[in-house]
Amino acid sequence: MEIRPIRTDEDHKAALVEIDRLWGASVGSPEGDRLDVLGTLVERYEETRWVA
């Protein structure tokens, strides 16, 4: 999965699948960094999609 902005519910779902796959990755590893970035993107999308 290419990391890009999450703009749709389908993008959101794909990001959650990737987060699940990466869960438990070591901090500072490429996988851990990817997990951190995806988590930030998902959090932002959820704030604007369902909280606002």
PDB file of N, CA and C in Angstrom:
ATOM      1  N   MET A   1       0.846  -1.189   0.000  1.00  0.00           N
ATOM      2  CA  MET A   1       0.000   0.000   0.000  1.00  0.00           C
ATOM      3  C   MET A   1       0.881   1.239   0.000  1.00  0.00           C
ATOM      4  N   GLU A   2       0.622   2.107  -0.926  1.00  0.00           N
ATOM      5  CA  GLU A   2       1.310   3.397  -0.989  1.00  0.00           C
ATOM      6  C   GLU A   2       0.683   4.317   0.060  1.00  0.00           C
ATOM      7  N   ILE A   3       1.510   5.026   0.795  1.00  0.00           N
ATOM      8  CA  ILE A   3       0.972   5.969   1.775  1.00  0.00           C
ATOM      9  C   ILE A   3       0.586   7.248   1.040  1.00  0.00           C
ATOM     10  N   ARG A   4      -0.675   7.630   1.211  1.00  0.00           N
ATOM     11  CA  ARG A   4      -1.211   8.841   0.607  1.00  0.00           C
ATOM     12  C   ARG A   4      -2.347   9.341   1.484  1.00  0.00           C
ATOM     13  N   PRO A   5      -2.844  10.539   1.229  1.00  0.00           N
ATOM     14  CA  PRO A   5      -3.943  11.046   2.045  1.00  0.00           C
ATOM     15  C   PRO A   5      -5.149  10.103   2.017  1.00  0.00           C
ATOM     16  N   ILE A   6      -5.861  10.067   3.117  1.00  0.00           N
ATOM     17  CA  ILE A   6      -7.095   9.279   3.211  1.00  0.00           C
ATOM     18  C   ILE A   6      -8.246  10.231   2.933  1.00  0.00           C
ATOM     19  N   ARG A   7      -8.926   9.981   1.828  1.00  0.00           N
ATOM     20  CA  ARG A   7      -9.993  10.895   1.404  1.00  0.00           C
ATOM     21  C   ARG A   7     -11.373  10.244   1.359  1.00  0.00           C
ATOM     22  N   THR A   8     -11.408   8.915   1.343  1.00  0.00           N
ATOM     23  CA  THR A   8     -12.690   8.216   1.226  1.00  0.00           C
ATOM     24  C   THR A   8     -12.774   7.106   2.272  1.00  0.00           C
ATOM     25  N   ASP A   9     -13.975   6.596   2.454  1.00  0.00           N
ATOM     26  CA  ASP A   9     -14.142   5.469   3.375  1.00  0.00           C
ATOM     27  C   ASP A   9     -13.370   4.245   2.883  1.00  0.00           C
ATOM     28  N   GLU A  10     -13.244   4.094   1.574  1.00  0.00           N
ATOM     29  CA  GLU A  10     -12.475   2.972   1.030  1.00  0.00           C
ATOM     30  C   GLU A  10     -10.986   3.115   1.346  1.00  0.00           C
ATOM     31  N   ASP A  11     -10.464   4.344   1.235  1.00  0.00           N
ATOM     32  CA  ASP A  11      -9.075   4.610   1.625  1.00  0.00           C
ATOM     33  C   ASP A  11      -8.885   4.287   3.104  1.00  0.00           C
ATOM     34  N   HIS A  12      -9.855   4.679   3.910  1.00  0.00           N
ATOM     35  CA  HIS A  12      -9.807   4.455   5.348  1.00  0.00           C
ATOM     36  C   HIS A  12      -9.751   2.958   5.649  1.00  0.00           C
ATOM     37  N   LYS A  13     -10.614   2.203   4.998  1.00  0.00           N
ATOM     38  CA  LYS A  13     -10.652   0.761   5.204  1.00  0.00           C
ATOM     39  C   LYS A  13      -9.310   0.119   4.823  1.00  0.00           C
ATOM     40  N   ALA A  14      -8.741   0.528   3.703  1.00  0.00           N
ATOM     41  CA  ALA A  14      -7.453  -0.015   3.261  1.00  0.00           C
ATOM     42  C   ALA A  14      -6.343   0.325   4.257  1.00  0.00           C
ATOM     43  N   ALA A  15      -6.370   1.525   4.802  1.00  0.00           N
ATOM     44  CA  ALA A  15      -5.370   1.922   5.792  1.00  0.00           C
ATOM     45  C   ALA A  15      -5.509   1.086   7.057  1.00  0.00           C
ATOM     46  N   LEU A  16      -6.728   0.802   7.479  1.00  0.00           N
ATOM     47  CA  LEU A  16      -6.936  -0.017   8.675  1.00  0.00           C
ATOM     48  C   LEU A  16      -6.433  -1.444   8.467  1.00  0.00           C
ATOM     49  N   VAL A  17      -6.617  -1.974   7.272  1.00  0.00           N
ATOM     50  CA  VAL A  17      -6.103  -3.312   6.953  1.00  0.00           C
ATOM     51  C   VAL A  17      -4.579  -3.312   7.054  1.00  0.00           C
ATOM     52  N   GLU A  18      -3.950  -2.284   6.513  1.00  0.00           N
ATOM     53  CA  GLU A  18      -2.487  -2.183   6.560  1.00  0.00           C
ATOM     54  C   GLU A  18      -1.996  -1.994   7.996  1.00  0.00           C
ATOM     55  N   ILE A  19      -2.709  -1.203   8.782  1.00  0.00           N
ATOM     56  CA  ILE A  19      -2.353  -1.024  10.192  1.00  0.00           C
ATOM     57  C   ILE A  19      -2.419  -2.362  10.921  1.00  0.00           C
ATOM     58  N   ASP A  20      -3.445  -3.129  10.659  1.00  0.00           N
ATOM     59  CA  ASP A  20      -3.578  -4.443  11.288  1.00  0.00           C
ATOM     60  C   ASP A  20      -2.395  -5.339  10.919  1.00  0.00           C
ATOM     61  N   ARG A  21      -1.976  -5.285   9.676  1.00  0.00           N
ATOM     62  CA  ARG A  21      -0.842  -6.087   9.214  1.00  0.00           C
ATOM     63  C   ARG A  21       0.459  -5.660   9.887  1.00  0.00           C
ATOM     64  N   LEU A  22       0.606  -4.365  10.117  1.00  0.00           N
ATOM     65  CA  LEU A  22       1.842  -3.824  10.678  1.00  0.00           C
ATOM     66  C   LEU A  22       1.874  -3.820  12.208  1.00  0.00           C
ATOM     67  N   TRP A  23       0.737  -4.087  12.833  1.00  0.00           N
ATOM     68  CA  TRP A  23       0.638  -3.991  14.291  1.00  0.00           C
ATOM     69  C   TRP A  23       1.740  -4.803  14.956  1.00  0.00           C
ATOM     70  N   GLY A  24       2.426  -4.207  15.915  1.00  0.00           N
ATOM     71  CA  GLY A  24       3.493  -4.884  16.633  1.00  0.00           C
ATOM     72  C   GLY A  24       4.868  -4.656  16.026  1.00  0.00           C
ATOM     73  N   ALA A  25       4.945  -3.876  14.954  1.00  0.00           N
ATOM     74  CA  ALA A  25       6.238  -3.582  14.334  1.00  0.00           C
ATOM     75  C   ALA A  25       7.114  -2.814  15.320  1.00  0.00           C
ATOM     76  N   SER A  26       8.394  -3.038  15.234  1.00  0.00           N
ATOM     77  CA  SER A  26       9.354  -2.387  16.127  1.00  0.00           C
ATOM     78  C   SER A  26       9.416  -0.892  15.862  1.00  0.00           C
ATOM     79  N   VAL A  27       9.458  -0.119  16.944  1.00  0.00           N
ATOM     80  CA  VAL A  27       9.600   1.334  16.842  1.00  0.00           C
ATOM     81  C   VAL A  27      10.928   1.638  16.152  1.00  0.00           C
ATOM     82  N   GLY A  28      10.889   2.546  15.206  1.00  0.00           N
ATOM     83  CA  GLY A  28      12.087   2.945  14.493  1.00  0.00           C
ATOM     84  C   GLY A  28      12.404   2.108  13.270  1.00  0.00           C
ATOM     85  N   SER A  29      11.707   0.996  13.098  1.00  0.00           N
ATOM     86  CA  SER A  29      11.899   0.177  11.896  1.00  0.00           C
ATOM     87  C   SER A  29      11.090   0.799  10.757  1.00  0.00           C
ATOM     88  N   PRO A  30      11.384   0.447   9.523  1.00  0.00           N
ATOM     89  CA  PRO A  30      10.563   0.966   8.410  1.00  0.00           C
ATOM     90  C   PRO A  30       9.081   0.629   8.589  1.00  0.00           C
ATOM     91  N   GLU A  31       8.797  -0.579   9.065  1.00  0.00           N
ATOM     92  CA  GLU A  31       7.397  -0.968   9.288  1.00  0.00           C
ATOM     93  C   GLU A  31       6.783  -0.160  10.428  1.00  0.00           C
ATOM     94  N   GLY A  32       7.552   0.069  11.477  1.00  0.00           N
ATOM     95  CA  GLY A  32       7.069   0.865  12.599  1.00  0.00           C
ATOM     96  C   GLY A  32       6.795   2.301  12.196  1.00  0.00           C
ATOM     97  N   ASP A  33       7.672   2.860  11.370  1.00  0.00           N
ATOM     98  CA  ASP A  33       7.465   4.223  10.870  1.00  0.00           C
ATOM     99  C   ASP A  33       6.210   4.289  10.012  1.00  0.00           C
ATOM    100  N   ARG A  34       6.021   3.294   9.172  1.00  0.00           N
ATOM    101  CA  ARG A  34       4.822   3.229   8.315  1.00  0.00           C
ATOM    102  C   ARG A  34       3.557   3.147   9.168  1.00  0.00           C
ATOM    103  N   LEU A  35       3.610   2.331  10.209  1.00  0.00           N
ATOM    104  CA  LEU A  35       2.489   2.203  11.129  1.00  0.00           C
ATOM    105  C   LEU A  35       2.173   3.542  11.788  1.00  0.00           C
ATOM    106  N   ASP A  36       3.194   4.249  12.222  1.00  0.00           N
ATOM    107  CA  ASP A  36       3.010   5.549  12.872  1.00  0.00           C
ATOM    108  C   ASP A  36       2.362   6.558  11.925  1.00  0.00           C
ATOM    109  N   VAL A  37       2.841   6.618  10.691  1.00  0.00           N
ATOM    110  CA  VAL A  37       2.291   7.560   9.717  1.00  0.00           C
ATOM    111  C   VAL A  37       0.840   7.204   9.379  1.00  0.00           C
ATOM    112  N   LEU A  38       0.584   5.938   9.149  1.00  0.00           N
ATOM    113  CA  LEU A  38      -0.790   5.524   8.840  1.00  0.00           C
ATOM    114  C   LEU A  38      -1.733   5.817  10.005  1.00  0.00           C
ATOM    115  N   GLY A  39      -1.270   5.591  11.224  1.00  0.00           N
ATOM    116  CA  GLY A  39      -2.089   5.892  12.391  1.00  0.00           C
ATOM    117  C   GLY A  39      -2.457   7.359  12.459  1.00  0.00           C
ATOM    118  N   THR A  40      -1.502   8.213  12.158  1.00  0.00           N
ATOM    119  CA  THR A  40      -1.754   9.655  12.153  1.00  0.00           C
ATOM    120  C   THR A  40      -2.766  10.028  11.075  1.00  0.00           C
ATOM    121  N   LEU A  41      -2.614   9.458   9.890  1.00  0.00           N
ATOM    122  CA  LEU A  41      -3.548   9.746   8.801  1.00  0.00           C
ATOM    123  C   LEU A  41      -4.962   9.266   9.130  1.00  0.00           C
ATOM    124  N   VAL A  42      -5.069   8.073   9.691  1.00  0.00           N
ATOM    125  CA  VAL A  42      -6.381   7.529  10.058  1.00  0.00           C
ATOM    126  C   VAL A  42      -7.019   8.394  11.140  1.00  0.00           C
ATOM    127  N   GLU A  43      -6.247   8.781  12.136  1.00  0.00           N
ATOM    128  CA  GLU A  43      -6.782   9.624  13.209  1.00  0.00           C
ATOM    129  C   GLU A  43      -7.343  10.930  12.649  1.00  0.00           C
ATOM    130  N   ARG A  44      -6.615  11.559  11.764  1.00  0.00           N
ATOM    131  CA  ARG A  44      -7.059  12.821  11.164  1.00  0.00           C
ATOM    132  C   ARG A  44      -8.332  12.620  10.336  1.00  0.00           C
ATOM    133  N   TYR A  45      -8.364  11.562   9.539  1.00  0.00           N
ATOM    134  CA  TYR A  45      -9.548  11.291   8.728  1.00  0.00           C
ATOM    135  C   TYR A  45     -10.771  11.067   9.618  1.00  0.00           C
ATOM    136  N   GLU A  46     -10.611  10.274  10.661  1.00  0.00           N
ATOM    137  CA  GLU A  46     -11.732   9.986  11.548  1.00  0.00           C
ATOM    138  C   GLU A  46     -12.220  11.246  12.264  1.00  0.00           C
ATOM    139  N   GLU A  47     -11.300  12.118  12.633  1.00  0.00           N
ATOM    140  CA  GLU A  47     -11.704  13.379  13.277  1.00  0.00           C
ATOM    141  C   GLU A  47     -12.555  14.228  12.334  1.00  0.00           C
ATOM    142  N   THR A  48     -12.160  14.287  11.085  1.00  0.00           N
ATOM    143  CA  THR A  48     -12.913  15.141  10.143  1.00  0.00           C
ATOM    144  C   THR A  48     -14.152  14.434   9.606  1.00  0.00           C
ATOM    145  N   ARG A  49     -14.132  13.124   9.531  1.00  0.00           N
ATOM    146  CA  ARG A  49     -15.262  12.377   8.948  1.00  0.00           C
ATOM    147  C   ARG A  49     -16.400  12.158   9.949  1.00  0.00           C
ATOM    148  N   TRP A  50     -16.056  11.796  11.168  1.00  0.00           N
ATOM    149  CA  TRP A  50     -17.103  11.414  12.109  1.00  0.00           C
ATOM    150  C   TRP A  50     -17.226  12.290  13.352  1.00  0.00           C
ATOM    151  N   VAL A  51     -16.225  13.048  13.670  1.00  0.00           N
ATOM    152  CA  VAL A  51     -16.277  13.835  14.904  1.00  0.00           C
ATOM    153  C   VAL A  51     -16.733  15.264  14.636  1.00  0.00           C
ATOM    154  N   ALA A  52     -16.325  15.816  13.524  1.00  0.00           N
ATOM    155  CA  ALA A  52     -16.597  17.236  13.244  1.00  0.00           C
ATOM    156  C   ALA A  52     -18.032  17.541  13.049  1.00  0.00           C
TER     157      ALA A  52
END
